[in-house]
Amino acid sequence: MTDKTVLGEFEHHVLLAALRLGEEAYTSTILTELEVRTGREVSAAAVYIALRRLEKHRLVRSRMRRALEEGQRRERRYFTVTPPGVELARTARRRLEALWDGLDAVRVGG
């Protein structure tokens, strides 16, 4: 099991994007998912570094596989969120929900 008990914000985003993408989670699809969902520009290097850090802590695992698109010959590193990664994402969600509890009346952003 991992020794990591807290996710940084960007690691959390990367982990959730990988979960959402499932079998199609590799650096550039995760990057695109993050940009679309968060409305923020993200660098490929930042995604790569976060994925390596998550893998080091066994929250994701990677494997090389040939791209599924027609005519693709190059292999890509695909990422899968591990059970400890899913559990840490759930824990992070519970913590955020606990912090938001009772703040529904707060007008955020305006």
C-alpha atoms as a PDB file:
ATOM      1  CA  MET A   1       0.000   0.000   0.000  1.00  0.00           C
ATOM      2  CA  THR A   2       1.034   3.596  -0.475  1.00  0.00           C
ATOM      3  CA  ASP A   3       2.475   5.796   2.219  1.00  0.00           C
ATOM      4  CA  LYS A   4       0.834   8.851   0.646  1.00  0.00           C
ATOM      5  CA  THR A   5      -2.253   9.971   2.541  1.00  0.00           C
ATOM      6  CA  VAL A   6      -2.937  13.385   0.992  1.00  0.00           C
ATOM      7  CA  LEU A   7      -3.189  14.423  -2.649  1.00  0.00           C
ATOM      8  CA  GLY A   8      -2.053  17.816  -3.854  1.00  0.00           C
ATOM      9  CA  GLU A   9      -4.638  19.643  -5.938  1.00  0.00           C
ATOM     10  CA  PHE A  10      -2.992  18.913  -9.282  1.00  0.00           C
ATOM     11  CA  GLU A  11      -2.314  15.257  -8.406  1.00  0.00           C
ATOM     12  CA  HIS A  12      -5.979  14.989  -7.424  1.00  0.00           C
ATOM     13  CA  HIS A  13      -7.027  16.419 -10.793  1.00  0.00           C
ATOM     14  CA  VAL A  14      -4.711  14.057 -12.694  1.00  0.00           C
ATOM     15  CA  LEU A  15      -5.965  11.049 -10.729  1.00  0.00           C
ATOM     16  CA  LEU A  16      -9.608  11.964 -11.412  1.00  0.00           C
ATOM     17  CA  ALA A  17      -8.920  12.531 -15.120  1.00  0.00           C
ATOM     18  CA  ALA A  18      -7.251   9.121 -15.344  1.00  0.00           C
ATOM     19  CA  LEU A  19     -10.242   7.524 -13.613  1.00  0.00           C
ATOM     20  CA  ARG A  20     -12.621   9.251 -16.010  1.00  0.00           C
ATOM     21  CA  LEU A  21     -10.621   8.176 -19.096  1.00  0.00           C
ATOM     22  CA  GLY A  22     -10.266   4.554 -18.039  1.00  0.00           C
ATOM     23  CA  GLU A  23      -8.479   2.493 -20.696  1.00  0.00           C
ATOM     24  CA  GLU A  24      -7.617   5.607 -22.719  1.00  0.00           C
ATOM     25  CA  ALA A  25      -5.640   7.388 -19.995  1.00  0.00           C
ATOM     26  CA  TYR A  26      -2.239   8.469 -21.298  1.00  0.00           C
ATOM     27  CA  THR A  27      -0.433  11.779 -20.901  1.00  0.00           C
ATOM     28  CA  SER A  28      -2.027  13.719 -23.764  1.00  0.00           C
ATOM     29  CA  THR A  29      -5.593  12.468 -23.162  1.00  0.00           C
ATOM     30  CA  ILE A  30      -5.246  13.318 -19.470  1.00  0.00           C
ATOM     31  CA  LEU A  31      -3.930  16.768 -20.407  1.00  0.00           C
ATOM     32  CA  THR A  32      -6.893  17.378 -22.722  1.00  0.00           C
ATOM     33  CA  GLU A  33      -9.375  16.136 -20.119  1.00  0.00           C
ATOM     34  CA  LEU A  34      -7.893  18.479 -17.520  1.00  0.00           C
ATOM     35  CA  GLU A  35      -8.029  21.486 -19.827  1.00  0.00           C
ATOM     36  CA  VAL A  36     -11.625  20.790 -20.860  1.00  0.00           C
ATOM     37  CA  ARG A  37     -12.894  20.076 -17.337  1.00  0.00           C
ATOM     38  CA  THR A  38     -10.985  22.788 -15.454  1.00  0.00           C
ATOM     39  CA  GLY A  39     -10.792  25.491 -18.113  1.00  0.00           C
ATOM     40  CA  ARG A  40      -7.094  25.881 -17.335  1.00  0.00           C
ATOM     41  CA  GLU A  41      -4.106  25.454 -19.616  1.00  0.00           C
ATOM     42  CA  VAL A  42      -1.966  22.521 -18.496  1.00  0.00           C
ATOM     43  CA  SER A  43       1.545  21.587 -19.559  1.00  0.00           C
ATOM     44  CA  ALA A  44       2.378  18.066 -20.674  1.00  0.00           C
ATOM     45  CA  ALA A  45       5.441  18.138 -18.421  1.00  0.00           C
ATOM     46  CA  ALA A  46       3.284  18.861 -15.362  1.00  0.00           C
ATOM     47  CA  VAL A  47       0.985  15.929 -16.187  1.00  0.00           C
ATOM     48  CA  TYR A  48       3.982  13.652 -16.786  1.00  0.00           C
ATOM     49  CA  ILE A  49       5.590  14.624 -13.473  1.00  0.00           C
ATOM     50  CA  ALA A  50       2.331  14.137 -11.554  1.00  0.00           C
ATOM     51  CA  LEU A  51       1.799  10.712 -13.148  1.00  0.00           C
ATOM     52  CA  ARG A  52       5.333   9.628 -12.224  1.00  0.00           C
ATOM     53  CA  ARG A  53       4.795  10.811  -8.650  1.00  0.00           C
ATOM     54  CA  LEU A  54       1.459   8.974  -8.453  1.00  0.00           C
ATOM     55  CA  GLU A  55       3.077   5.853  -9.874  1.00  0.00           C
ATOM     56  CA  LYS A  56       5.933   6.059  -7.358  1.00  0.00           C
ATOM     57  CA  HIS A  57       3.312   5.963  -4.591  1.00  0.00           C
ATOM     58  CA  ARG A  58       1.477   3.088  -6.324  1.00  0.00           C
ATOM     59  CA  LEU A  59      -1.670   5.144  -6.865  1.00  0.00           C
ATOM     60  CA  VAL A  60      -1.476   4.495 -10.609  1.00  0.00           C
ATOM     61  CA  ARG A  61       0.337   1.881 -12.638  1.00  0.00           C
ATOM     62  CA  SER A  62       1.462   2.148 -16.209  1.00  0.00           C
ATOM     63  CA  ARG A  63       1.981  -0.163 -19.128  1.00  0.00           C
ATOM     64  CA  MET A  64       3.204   0.324 -22.640  1.00  0.00           C
ATOM     65  CA  ARG A  65       0.781  -0.548 -25.392  1.00  0.00           C
ATOM     66  CA  ARG A  66       0.313   0.186 -29.035  1.00  0.00           C
ATOM     67  CA  ALA A  67      -2.209   2.898 -29.780  1.00  0.00           C
ATOM     68  CA  LEU A  68      -5.606   1.601 -30.852  1.00  0.00           C
ATOM     69  CA  GLU A  69      -6.142   4.169 -33.605  1.00  0.00           C
ATOM     70  CA  GLU A  70      -5.882   2.992 -37.193  1.00  0.00           C
ATOM     71  CA  GLY A  71      -2.354   3.335 -38.534  1.00  0.00           C
ATOM     72  CA  GLN A  72      -0.700   4.087 -35.182  1.00  0.00           C
ATOM     73  CA  ARG A  73       2.567   2.236 -34.809  1.00  0.00           C
ATOM     74  CA  ARG A  74       4.068   3.879 -31.783  1.00  0.00           C
ATOM     75  CA  GLU A  75       3.579   2.625 -28.283  1.00  0.00           C
ATOM     76  CA  ARG A  76       2.236   4.839 -25.535  1.00  0.00           C
ATOM     77  CA  ARG A  77       2.373   4.601 -21.767  1.00  0.00           C
ATOM     78  CA  TYR A  78      -1.177   4.093 -20.495  1.00  0.00           C
ATOM     79  CA  PHE A  79      -2.119   4.607 -16.851  1.00  0.00           C
ATOM     80  CA  THR A  80      -4.590   2.790 -14.634  1.00  0.00           C
ATOM     81  CA  VAL A  81      -5.650   3.989 -11.204  1.00  0.00           C
ATOM     82  CA  THR A  82      -4.948   1.299  -8.596  1.00  0.00           C
ATOM     83  CA  PRO A  83      -7.314   0.364  -5.753  1.00  0.00           C
ATOM     84  CA  PRO A  84      -5.258   2.457  -3.274  1.00  0.00           C
ATOM     85  CA  GLY A  85      -5.521   5.354  -5.743  1.00  0.00           C
ATOM     86  CA  VAL A  86      -9.298   5.007  -5.903  1.00  0.00           C
ATOM     87  CA  GLU A  87      -9.484   4.876  -2.116  1.00  0.00           C
ATOM     88  CA  LEU A  88      -7.314   7.975  -1.723  1.00  0.00           C
ATOM     89  CA  ALA A  89      -9.500   9.820  -4.260  1.00  0.00           C
ATOM     90  CA  ARG A  90     -12.580   8.844  -2.234  1.00  0.00           C
ATOM     91  CA  THR A  91     -10.907  10.025   0.973  1.00  0.00           C
ATOM     92  CA  ALA A  92     -10.019  13.352  -0.671  1.00  0.00           C
ATOM     93  CA  ARG A  93     -13.640  13.752  -1.786  1.00  0.00           C
ATOM     94  CA  ARG A  94     -14.961  13.072   1.720  1.00  0.00           C
ATOM     95  CA  ARG A  95     -12.526  15.633   3.154  1.00  0.00           C
ATOM     96  CA  LEU A  96     -13.600  18.296   0.654  1.00  0.00           C
ATOM     97  CA  GLU A  97     -17.283  17.562   1.204  1.00  0.00           C
ATOM     98  CA  ALA A  98     -16.758  17.852   4.978  1.00  0.00           C
ATOM     99  CA  LEU A  99     -15.134  21.253   4.484  1.00  0.00           C
ATOM    100  CA  TRP A 100     -17.998  22.431   2.243  1.00  0.00           C
ATOM    101  CA  ASP A 101     -20.650  21.107   4.642  1.00  0.00           C
ATOM    102  CA  GLY A 102     -22.728  24.032   5.886  1.00  0.00           C
ATOM    103  CA  LEU A 103     -21.380  26.468   3.314  1.00  0.00           C
ATOM    104  CA  ASP A 104     -24.169  26.031   0.772  1.00  0.00           C
ATOM    105  CA  ALA A 105     -25.417  29.530   1.539  1.00  0.00           C
ATOM    106  CA  VAL A 106     -22.011  31.043   0.796  1.00  0.00           C
ATOM    107  CA  ARG A 107     -21.998  32.782  -2.502  1.00  0.00           C
ATOM    108  CA  VAL A 108     -18.752  31.776  -4.143  1.00  0.00           C
ATOM    109  CA  GLY A 109     -17.422  33.844  -7.015  1.00  0.00           C
ATOM    110  CA  GLY A 110     -19.794  36.615  -7.043  1.00  0.00           C
END
